[in-house]
Protein backbone atom coordinates (compact mmCIF):
# COMPACT_ATOMS: atom_id res chain seq x y z
CA MET A 1 -0.69 23.68 8.61
CA ALA A 2 -1.02 23.24 4.53
CA ASN A 3 -1.78 25.87 2.45
CA GLU A 4 -5.30 26.66 2.30
CA LYS A 5 -5.39 26.43 -1.77
CA VAL A 6 -3.54 23.11 -1.58
CA LEU A 7 -6.33 21.39 0.45
CA SER A 8 -9.39 23.37 -1.02
CA HIS A 9 -8.31 21.87 -4.43
CA LEU A 10 -8.05 18.33 -2.62
CA GLU A 11 -11.31 18.33 -1.58
CA ALA A 12 -12.91 19.66 -4.87
CA ASN A 13 -10.80 16.89 -6.48
CA ARG A 14 -11.93 13.62 -4.32
CA GLN A 15 -13.87 11.87 -6.89
CA HIS A 16 -11.51 13.07 -10.04
CA HIS A 17 -8.72 11.30 -8.05
CA VAL A 18 -10.60 7.95 -7.27
CA ASP A 19 -11.34 8.11 -10.73
CA GLN A 20 -7.91 8.12 -12.12
CA LEU A 21 -6.45 5.27 -9.33
CA CYS A 22 -9.07 3.31 -10.47
CA ASP A 23 -7.48 3.99 -14.55
CA PHE A 24 -4.23 3.12 -12.78
CA LEU A 25 -5.83 0.00 -10.73
CA ARG A 26 -7.19 -1.89 -14.30
CA ILE A 27 -3.45 -1.86 -15.62
CA PRO A 28 -2.88 -6.18 -14.36
CA SER A 29 0.85 -5.27 -13.63
CA ILE A 30 1.69 -8.60 -12.31
CA SER A 31 5.48 -8.75 -12.83
CA SER A 32 6.18 -12.36 -11.69
CA GLN A 33 4.47 -13.58 -14.45
CA SER A 34 5.78 -12.83 -17.91
CA GLU A 35 2.54 -13.12 -19.66
CA TYR A 36 1.82 -9.33 -17.95
CA ASN A 37 4.78 -7.73 -19.09
CA GLU A 38 3.29 -5.43 -21.42
CA ASP A 39 0.67 -4.74 -19.42
CA THR A 40 3.51 -3.90 -16.45
CA LYS A 41 4.68 -1.85 -18.85
CA ARG A 42 1.73 0.36 -19.73
CA ALA A 43 1.78 0.46 -15.37
CA CYS A 44 5.69 2.22 -15.94
CA ALA A 45 4.23 4.55 -18.72
CA PHE A 46 0.96 5.21 -16.40
CA VAL A 47 3.43 6.60 -13.71
CA ALA A 48 5.86 8.20 -15.80
CA ASP A 49 3.52 10.24 -18.19
CA GLU A 50 1.72 11.58 -14.60
CA LEU A 51 4.86 12.97 -13.39
CA LYS A 52 5.94 14.45 -16.77
CA GLU A 53 2.80 16.34 -16.83
CA LEU A 54 3.49 17.71 -13.80
CA GLY A 55 6.38 19.25 -15.11
CA LEU A 56 9.25 16.94 -13.44
CA THR A 57 12.56 15.71 -14.84
CA VAL A 58 11.48 12.47 -15.55
CA GLU A 59 13.83 9.01 -16.17
CA VAL A 60 12.29 5.67 -16.76
CA ILE A 61 15.36 3.03 -16.61
CA ASP A 62 15.68 -0.02 -17.80
CA LEU A 63 18.35 -2.13 -16.21
CA GLY A 64 16.87 -6.01 -17.70
CA GLY A 65 13.61 -6.04 -15.65
CA HIS A 66 10.72 -3.98 -15.24
CA PRO A 67 11.68 -0.39 -15.58
CA LEU A 68 12.02 2.44 -12.67
CA VAL A 69 10.61 5.71 -12.61
CA VAL A 70 13.03 8.13 -11.13
CA ALA A 71 11.55 11.71 -11.34
CA GLN A 72 12.47 15.04 -9.48
CA THR A 73 10.87 18.47 -9.38
CA GLU A 74 13.73 21.36 -9.44
CA ILE A 75 16.25 20.66 -6.74
CA ARG A 76 16.68 24.29 -4.86
CA PRO A 77 19.49 23.95 -2.31
CA ASP A 78 18.12 26.12 -0.02
CA ARG A 79 15.21 23.49 0.60
CA LYS A 80 14.53 20.24 2.28
CA THR A 81 14.84 17.17 -0.43
CA LEU A 82 12.11 14.10 -0.05
CA LEU A 83 12.41 10.80 -1.49
CA PHE A 84 9.02 8.96 -1.98
CA TYR A 85 9.26 5.25 -2.64
CA GLY A 86 6.84 2.82 -4.05
CA HIS A 87 5.70 0.08 -6.64
CA TYR A 88 3.54 0.17 -9.59
CA ASP A 89 3.48 -3.90 -9.98
CA VAL A 90 1.30 -6.08 -8.17
CA GLN A 91 0.71 -9.44 -7.00
CA PRO A 92 -0.74 -12.30 -9.08
CA VAL A 93 -4.30 -12.59 -8.48
CA ASP A 94 -4.70 -16.56 -7.94
CA PRO A 95 -7.13 -18.33 -6.35
CA LEU A 96 -9.32 -16.25 -9.36
CA GLU A 97 -12.52 -17.96 -8.02
CA LEU A 98 -12.36 -16.42 -4.50
CA TRP A 99 -12.57 -12.96 -6.24
CA ASP A 100 -16.06 -11.88 -5.80
CA ASN A 101 -15.43 -9.44 -8.75
CA PRO A 102 -12.66 -9.23 -11.57
CA PRO A 103 -9.30 -8.01 -9.75
CA PHE A 104 -8.22 -5.44 -12.61
CA GLU A 105 -11.96 -4.65 -12.75
CA PRO A 106 -12.16 -1.92 -9.65
CA VAL A 107 -15.53 -2.38 -7.56
CA ILE A 108 -16.45 0.83 -5.05
CA LYS A 109 -18.77 -0.74 -2.20
CA ASP A 110 -19.56 1.12 0.85
CA GLY A 111 -16.38 3.59 0.13
CA ILE A 112 -14.26 1.31 -0.59
CA VAL A 113 -12.30 0.58 -3.66
CA TYR A 114 -11.75 -3.26 -4.56
CA ALA A 115 -9.00 -4.30 -6.41
CA ARG A 116 -5.06 -5.61 -6.67
CA GLY A 117 -2.91 -3.53 -6.19
CA ALA A 118 -5.59 -1.27 -4.39
CA SER A 119 -3.82 -1.39 -0.99
CA ASP A 120 -0.17 -2.62 -2.25
CA ASP A 121 0.81 -0.46 -3.63
CA LYS A 122 -0.63 1.74 -6.16
CA GLY A 123 -3.24 3.43 -3.71
CA GLN A 124 -0.48 4.28 -1.68
CA VAL A 125 2.05 5.48 -3.80
CA TYR A 126 -0.73 7.17 -6.10
CA THR A 127 -1.63 9.52 -2.89
CA HIS A 128 1.77 11.20 -2.84
CA ILE A 129 1.68 11.95 -6.72
CA LYS A 130 -1.99 13.46 -6.06
CA ALA A 131 -0.46 15.69 -3.32
CA LEU A 132 2.15 17.01 -5.40
CA GLU A 133 0.03 17.61 -8.25
CA ALA A 134 -2.50 19.62 -5.65
CA TYR A 135 1.13 22.72 -4.91
CA ILE A 136 1.61 22.56 -8.87
CA ARG A 137 -1.79 22.58 -10.11
CA THR A 138 -2.77 25.49 -7.46
CA GLY A 139 0.59 27.61 -8.64
CA THR A 140 1.59 26.96 -4.72
CA GLU A 141 5.30 27.61 -3.97
CA LEU A 142 6.65 23.47 -3.47
CA PRO A 143 7.91 24.32 0.83
CA VAL A 144 10.59 21.39 -0.50
CA ASN A 145 12.43 19.41 -3.28
CA VAL A 146 10.65 16.67 -4.52
CA LYS A 147 12.27 13.10 -5.83
CA PHE A 148 10.43 9.60 -7.04
CA ILE A 149 11.62 6.28 -7.33
CA ILE A 150 8.59 3.69 -8.35
CA GLU A 151 9.61 0.29 -8.62
CA GLY A 152 8.24 -2.46 -11.41
CA GLU A 153 9.77 -5.24 -9.64
CA GLU A 154 8.85 -5.12 -5.52
CA GLU A 155 6.59 -8.02 -5.97
CA ALA A 156 9.16 -10.15 -8.17
CA GLY A 157 11.85 -10.15 -5.93
CA GLY A 158 14.19 -8.06 -8.95
CA GLU A 159 17.44 -6.13 -8.60
CA SER A 160 17.10 -3.08 -10.54
CA ILE A 161 16.47 -1.01 -7.79
CA TYR A 162 19.16 -2.10 -5.53
CA ARG A 163 21.57 -1.69 -8.11
CA TYR A 164 20.18 1.43 -8.94
CA THR A 165 20.39 2.86 -5.11
CA GLU A 166 23.64 1.48 -4.64
CA GLN A 167 25.44 2.81 -8.03
CA ASN A 168 23.20 6.50 -7.60
CA PRO A 169 23.06 7.63 -4.45
CA GLU A 170 24.14 11.25 -5.13
CA LYS A 171 20.84 11.13 -7.62
CA LEU A 172 18.84 9.91 -4.87
CA ALA A 173 20.13 12.37 -2.02
CA CYS A 174 18.05 13.42 0.37
CA ASP A 175 16.91 14.76 3.70
CA ALA A 176 14.53 11.50 4.36
CA ILE A 177 12.84 8.78 2.74
CA ILE A 178 8.73 8.13 2.76
CA VAL A 179 7.43 4.69 2.24
CA SER A 180 3.79 4.24 2.49
CA ASP A 181 3.57 0.09 2.11
CA THR A 182 2.77 -0.22 5.36
CA THR A 183 -0.77 0.37 7.38
CA LEU A 184 -2.30 1.98 9.91
CA TYR A 185 -2.74 0.19 13.36
CA ASN A 186 -6.36 0.37 12.82
CA GLU A 187 -9.26 1.71 11.13
CA THR A 188 -9.57 5.01 13.87
CA THR A 189 -5.91 5.38 14.90
CA PRO A 190 -2.78 6.05 12.28
CA GLY A 191 0.48 4.70 12.92
CA ILE A 192 3.75 5.59 12.24
CA CYS A 193 6.10 1.88 11.55
CA TYR A 194 9.67 1.87 12.97
CA SER A 195 10.76 -1.64 12.43
CA LEU A 196 10.22 -3.79 9.42
CA LYS A 197 10.97 -8.10 9.40
CA GLY A 198 13.91 -9.23 7.53
CA LEU A 199 13.54 -12.59 5.04
CA ALA A 200 14.97 -15.60 4.43
CA TYR A 201 12.85 -17.37 1.62
CA MET A 202 13.69 -20.94 1.33
CA GLU A 203 12.80 -24.17 -0.73
CA ILE A 204 13.29 -27.75 0.51
CA ARG A 205 13.42 -30.49 -2.06
CA VAL A 206 13.02 -33.90 -1.75
CA LYS A 207 14.14 -36.43 -4.61
CA GLY A 208 12.98 -40.65 -4.22
CA PRO A 209 12.86 -42.38 -7.09
CA ASP A 210 13.15 -41.70 -10.79
CA MET A 211 9.17 -41.38 -11.12
CA ASP A 212 6.22 -42.13 -9.27
CA LEU A 213 5.55 -45.71 -8.27
CA HIS A 214 2.45 -48.19 -7.40
CA SER A 215 1.97 -48.23 -3.89
CA GLY A 216 0.73 -51.56 -3.96
CA SER A 217 3.58 -53.16 -5.73
CA TYR A 218 6.48 -50.72 -4.25
CA GLY A 219 5.20 -49.76 -0.94
CA GLY A 220 7.14 -50.36 2.10
CA THR A 221 9.87 -50.77 0.07
CA VAL A 222 11.68 -47.50 -0.55
CA GLN A 223 11.54 -43.78 1.16
CA ASN A 224 7.98 -41.89 0.44
CA PRO A 225 9.15 -38.51 -0.74
CA GLY A 226 5.75 -37.20 0.63
CA ASN A 227 6.61 -39.21 4.31
CA ALA A 228 9.76 -37.53 4.29
CA LEU A 229 9.01 -34.12 3.62
CA ALA A 230 6.13 -34.33 6.51
CA GLU A 231 9.27 -35.67 8.86
CA ILE A 232 11.27 -32.64 8.12
CA VAL A 233 8.77 -30.05 8.42
CA ALA A 234 7.25 -31.51 11.50
CA LYS A 235 10.52 -30.88 13.19
CA LEU A 236 11.22 -27.00 12.24
CA LYS A 237 9.39 -25.75 15.18
CA ASP A 238 8.08 -27.00 18.58
CA ALA A 239 4.71 -27.79 20.05
CA ASP A 240 5.27 -24.06 21.70
CA GLY A 241 5.77 -22.24 18.43
CA ARG A 242 9.86 -22.07 19.30
CA CYS A 243 11.58 -22.73 15.60
CA LEU A 244 14.31 -25.57 16.06
CA VAL A 245 17.04 -24.31 13.91
CA PRO A 246 20.32 -24.44 15.67
CA GLY A 247 21.27 -20.51 16.60
CA PHE A 248 17.97 -19.27 15.34
CA TYR A 249 17.71 -16.87 18.15
CA ASP A 250 21.03 -16.41 18.85
CA ASP A 251 21.04 -12.69 17.70
CA VAL A 252 17.89 -11.55 18.65
CA LEU A 253 17.05 -7.72 19.84
CA GLU A 254 14.90 -8.22 22.53
CA LEU A 255 12.01 -5.81 22.74
CA GLU A 256 12.44 -3.02 25.94
CA GLN A 257 10.66 -2.87 28.51
CA ASP A 258 8.76 0.40 27.06
CA GLU A 259 8.10 -0.98 23.82
CA ARG A 260 6.40 -4.06 25.35
CA ASP A 261 4.08 -1.75 27.27
CA ALA A 262 3.35 0.08 24.56
CA PHE A 263 2.02 -2.54 22.70
CA ALA A 264 0.12 -3.69 25.96
CA ASP A 265 -1.61 -0.11 25.58
CA LEU A 266 -2.83 -0.86 22.23
CA GLY A 267 -5.39 -3.51 23.44
CA TYR A 268 -4.73 -5.60 20.70
CA THR A 269 -6.48 -9.11 21.74
CA ASP A 270 -6.68 -12.92 20.59
CA GLU A 271 -10.33 -12.60 20.40
CA THR A 272 -9.14 -9.16 17.58
CA LEU A 273 -6.90 -11.46 15.76
CA CYS A 274 -9.61 -14.35 15.62
CA GLY A 275 -12.06 -12.06 14.12
CA GLU A 276 -9.57 -10.77 11.59
CA THR A 277 -8.05 -14.03 10.36
CA GLY A 278 -10.70 -16.11 10.77
CA ALA A 279 -8.67 -18.39 12.40
CA PRO A 280 -10.23 -20.74 15.15
CA ALA A 281 -7.57 -19.64 18.01
CA ALA A 282 -4.39 -18.02 18.34
CA PHE A 283 -1.00 -19.48 18.11
CA GLY A 284 2.78 -18.77 18.56
CA GLU A 285 5.67 -18.60 20.63
CA LYS A 286 5.29 -19.12 24.14
CA GLY A 287 5.88 -16.30 26.47
CA PHE A 288 4.77 -13.39 24.40
CA THR A 289 2.02 -11.82 23.58
CA THR A 290 0.32 -12.01 20.06
CA LEU A 291 1.48 -8.32 19.18
CA GLU A 292 5.03 -8.81 20.03
CA ARG A 293 5.06 -12.22 18.18
CA MET A 294 3.70 -10.10 14.91
CA TRP A 295 6.08 -7.39 15.36
CA ALA A 296 8.61 -8.26 16.92
CA ARG A 297 9.62 -12.36 17.40
CA PRO A 298 11.26 -13.94 14.36
CA THR A 299 9.01 -16.76 12.87
CA CYS A 300 9.42 -19.71 10.42
CA ASP A 301 6.42 -20.69 8.34
CA VAL A 302 5.80 -22.94 5.81
CA ASN A 303 4.63 -21.32 3.21
CA GLY A 304 3.22 -24.27 0.60
CA LEU A 305 3.85 -27.89 0.43
CA SER A 306 3.24 -30.18 -2.79
CA SER A 307 3.74 -33.78 -3.35
CA GLY A 308 2.04 -36.29 -5.25
CA TYR A 309 -1.87 -36.45 -6.20
CA GLY A 310 -4.15 -33.57 -5.12
CA GLY A 311 -6.88 -34.65 -7.66
CA GLU A 312 -10.43 -35.69 -7.56
CA GLY A 313 -10.76 -39.10 -6.24
CA ALA A 314 -7.99 -41.66 -5.54
CA LYS A 315 -4.67 -42.20 -6.88
CA THR A 316 -2.33 -44.78 -5.50
CA ILE A 317 0.83 -43.91 -5.73
CA ILE A 318 4.30 -43.39 -4.24
CA PRO A 319 5.56 -40.20 -5.44
CA SER A 320 8.68 -39.27 -6.79
CA ARG A 321 9.23 -35.78 -5.38
CA ALA A 322 7.78 -33.49 -2.60
CA LEU A 323 8.30 -29.85 -2.61
CA ALA A 324 7.94 -27.83 0.59
CA LYS A 325 8.59 -23.49 0.51
CA VAL A 326 9.70 -21.88 3.83
CA SER A 327 9.93 -18.37 4.69
CA MET A 328 11.82 -16.80 7.71
CA ARG A 329 10.66 -13.02 9.20
CA LEU A 330 13.80 -11.89 10.63
CA VAL A 331 13.98 -8.98 13.53
CA PRO A 332 16.75 -6.45 14.17
CA ASP A 333 20.06 -8.11 14.48
CA GLN A 334 19.25 -11.35 12.89
CA ASP A 335 21.88 -11.92 9.73
CA PRO A 336 19.52 -13.56 6.94
CA ASP A 337 22.38 -15.39 5.14
CA LYS A 338 23.55 -16.71 8.78
CA ILE A 339 19.98 -17.94 9.44
CA ALA A 340 19.64 -19.63 5.98
CA ALA A 341 22.83 -21.59 5.96
CA ALA A 342 21.67 -22.91 9.31
CA PHE A 343 18.56 -23.23 8.37
CA GLN A 344 19.82 -25.28 4.73
CA ALA A 345 22.72 -27.13 7.33
CA TYR A 346 19.88 -27.97 9.99
CA VAL A 347 17.17 -29.57 7.06
CA LYS A 348 20.30 -31.62 5.67
CA GLU A 349 21.05 -33.27 9.25
CA ILE A 350 17.50 -34.05 10.03
CA ALA A 351 16.33 -35.80 6.46
CA PRO A 352 15.69 -39.50 6.96
CA ALA A 353 17.64 -41.74 4.74
CA GLY A 354 16.67 -43.00 1.32
CA VAL A 355 16.16 -39.62 -0.56
CA GLU A 356 17.51 -37.11 -1.91
CA VAL A 357 17.25 -33.29 -0.16
CA GLU A 358 18.09 -29.93 -1.47
CA VAL A 359 17.78 -26.93 -0.29
CA GLU A 360 18.10 -23.39 -2.11
CA ASN A 361 17.66 -20.00 -0.52
CA HIS A 362 15.38 -18.21 -3.08
CA HIS A 363 16.32 -14.31 -1.77
CA ASN A 364 16.81 -12.97 1.58
CA ALA A 365 15.70 -9.01 3.07
CA ASN A 366 17.82 -7.67 6.08
CA PRO A 367 15.46 -6.50 9.17
CA VAL A 368 15.04 -2.62 9.76
CA LEU A 369 14.98 -0.65 12.73
CA VAL A 370 14.04 3.11 12.10
CA PRO A 371 15.44 5.38 15.15
CA ARG A 372 12.06 6.96 16.52
CA LYS A 373 13.94 10.60 17.41
CA SER A 374 15.06 12.33 14.60
CA GLU A 375 13.47 15.46 13.38
CA MET A 376 12.10 14.28 10.20
CA PHE A 377 10.20 10.95 12.28
CA LYS A 378 8.35 14.01 14.35
CA ALA A 379 7.55 15.48 11.06
CA GLY A 380 5.67 12.41 10.21
CA MET A 381 4.35 11.92 13.48
CA ALA A 382 2.68 15.57 13.19
CA ALA A 383 2.04 14.84 9.61
CA LEU A 384 -0.48 11.94 10.02
CA GLU A 385 -2.09 13.77 12.97
CA GLN A 386 -3.47 16.72 10.77
CA GLY A 387 -3.74 14.06 7.82
CA PHE A 388 -6.28 11.85 10.19
CA GLY A 389 -7.29 13.82 12.70
CA ALA A 390 -6.00 11.57 15.71
CA LYS A 391 -2.95 11.05 17.25
CA PRO A 392 -0.29 8.29 15.76
CA VAL A 393 1.12 5.05 17.94
CA PHE A 394 4.52 3.76 17.14
CA ILE A 395 3.50 0.71 15.73
CA ARG A 396 6.25 -2.25 13.84
CA GLU A 397 5.70 -4.37 10.86
CA GLY A 398 5.99 -8.12 10.82
CA GLY A 399 6.06 -7.99 6.79
CA SER A 400 9.60 -6.90 4.81
CA ILE A 401 10.21 -3.80 2.40
CA PRO A 402 13.87 -5.14 1.38
CA ILE A 403 14.49 -2.14 -0.11
CA VAL A 404 14.19 0.14 2.89
CA GLY A 405 17.60 -1.85 4.37
CA THR A 406 19.56 -0.50 0.80
CA PHE A 407 18.27 3.02 1.18
CA GLN A 408 19.52 3.44 4.74
CA GLU A 409 22.76 1.63 4.09
CA CYS A 410 23.59 3.91 0.59
CA LEU A 411 21.51 7.18 1.19
CA LYS A 412 22.30 7.53 5.11
CA SER A 413 18.88 9.04 5.70
CA PRO A 414 15.78 8.55 8.09
CA VAL A 415 13.54 6.36 6.14
CA LEU A 416 9.83 7.37 7.15
CA LEU A 417 7.18 4.45 7.04
CA LEU A 418 3.96 6.06 6.40
CA GLY A 419 1.37 3.56 5.47
CA TYR A 420 -2.38 4.76 4.74
CA GLY A 421 -3.72 1.00 4.47
CA LEU A 422 -5.01 -1.74 6.89
CA SER A 423 -4.15 -4.97 7.97
CA THR A 424 -7.17 -6.29 6.85
CA ASP A 425 -7.12 -4.89 3.03
CA ASN A 426 -6.53 -8.49 1.71
CA ILE A 427 -3.01 -7.35 0.41
CA HIS A 428 -1.85 -10.61 -1.51
CA SER A 429 -5.23 -12.39 -0.92
CA PRO A 430 -8.71 -12.43 -3.04
CA ASN A 431 -11.01 -9.05 -2.68
CA GLU A 432 -7.98 -6.62 -1.83
CA LYS A 433 -9.00 -3.75 -1.32
CA PHE A 434 -8.75 -0.09 -0.36
CA HIS A 435 -10.46 2.44 1.91
CA LEU A 436 -11.24 5.49 0.10
CA ASP A 437 -11.16 7.71 3.23
CA ASN A 438 -7.78 6.54 3.98
CA PHE A 439 -6.95 7.42 0.66
CA TRP A 440 -8.05 11.06 0.94
CA ARG A 441 -6.95 11.40 4.44
CA GLY A 442 -3.17 9.87 2.68
CA ILE A 443 -2.79 12.40 0.28
CA ARG A 444 -3.28 14.95 2.88
CA THR A 445 -1.14 13.67 5.19
CA SER A 446 1.04 13.64 2.11
CA ALA A 447 1.02 17.87 1.77
CA PHE A 448 0.96 18.11 5.73
CA LEU A 449 3.87 16.31 5.35
CA MET A 450 5.88 18.30 2.82
CA GLU A 451 5.08 21.46 5.09
CA GLU A 452 6.49 19.30 7.86
CA ALA A 453 9.47 18.28 6.23
CA ALA A 454 10.36 22.27 5.45
CA LYS A 455 10.35 22.85 9.20
C-alpha cells in the first residue's frame, strides 16, 4: 500500500493536476509538421522543467530531430530502478472541421478532457510525473530509483530514441520499463497488455502518362493509373479478409488455447465492435473471433488512396498518377523486413501492363510479446488492481509501439505495458479525449507500482 501521505497529497491536488495537464495539452506539439517545431520544443521544455523542479538530474538531448528528455533521481544500488517511457509529441489534427472544439484548447465535459494528446500520450505520461511528485512534495522516501526517457518523435517515426537507447544502455539500465501508451480493457476493467503488433508501412506509386489526359481524347488508349491501382489493391486480400501476399502467414505465432479461452471470457461481441466504431458490421479473417483478429492476427489495410480529381463537380481526365498507403500490422514471430520485401515483390508481380509501379517501405516495427510470469509483471498487476479497484485482465494490443522492441533488445529488462486510456478515446482522430477518473487512477497506480516494484 502506498504511503498515506502520498495518497492524501494526490487526493488534495486532483484539480491542480488537471490544470497542469491542460497547460501541457495547450502546446501544439505536432512533431510531423515542421511549422510546429517551436511548439514541439516548448513541450519538451515543459517536461524537462517539471522534472528539474522535482530535483531530478535532467538532460535534453538533441540528436538532430526533436529532443529527448532523459532524467533520473539519485540512483541508490540498494533499490530497484524503474524506467518510465512516454512521448510529448502529438498527431496532426486534420480534419479540423470535425472537432467540436479547437484541438489545443482543452475542454472538460462530464469528467472528460477533450484535446489532442489527452490520451496519446500527454495524459498518460503525466501520470508518472505526478506520482513521483507526490513522494517528493511530501518528503516521502522513494521506494525505488526512477528514470525517465520521454521523446518528441513517436508520432513522426523519428530515430533519436532508437539511436540513444542502442548507444547508451548503461544510462537506461533498469529493473523494469513502464510504458503507458496503451489502454484499459474497458471503462470498468483495467488490463495489462502483454503483446503489441509490429508494422510494415508501405507506399504504392503508380505512374502512367506524363500528365493528366483528356478522357475523351485519350480514353481507351493508355492504361489509367487509377484503374491500375484499384486492380492492385483489390488483389491484396480475398473475400474472406485473408491477405494474399505470398508467405504472409508463414511465421505467425498461433494463439495458445488458454489465450483463446481468456479472450472469449471477456465477452467482446461484434455488436460491441459496431457500437464502438459505428461500422455496419464486423469483418475480417474467417475462423477467428473479433478480439482474436484485433489482437493476435496480422492485418493488411489501405490507409489512404489518391488519384485524379476529387473536387466539386466533374473533371474528365485520365490521371497521370495514383498512390496508396498500406499498413500491415504484424504479430509475434513475423519479420517486418521479410514481409515488406514480399509485399514489394507481390505488388510488382500483380501490377497490370502499361504503368510504372514503385513500392516504398516507409518504416517497420517489430512485434512484441512480453512474458506474463515475471515478478515485475505481477507487481504491475497488483498496482493496477489497487489503483483502479478492480482485478485486471490480460489483453493484447493491435497497435504498435516500436521502441518497446528496442528496449527489450538493448536493456534486457521486462516491459510493463500499463495503459490508462480507452480504445474509445479517439486517439489519432478528432475529439480525442481522456477520462479524468482514469487520469487520477493512473497516477495512483504509478504510485502503487513504485511500492510493489520495491518488494
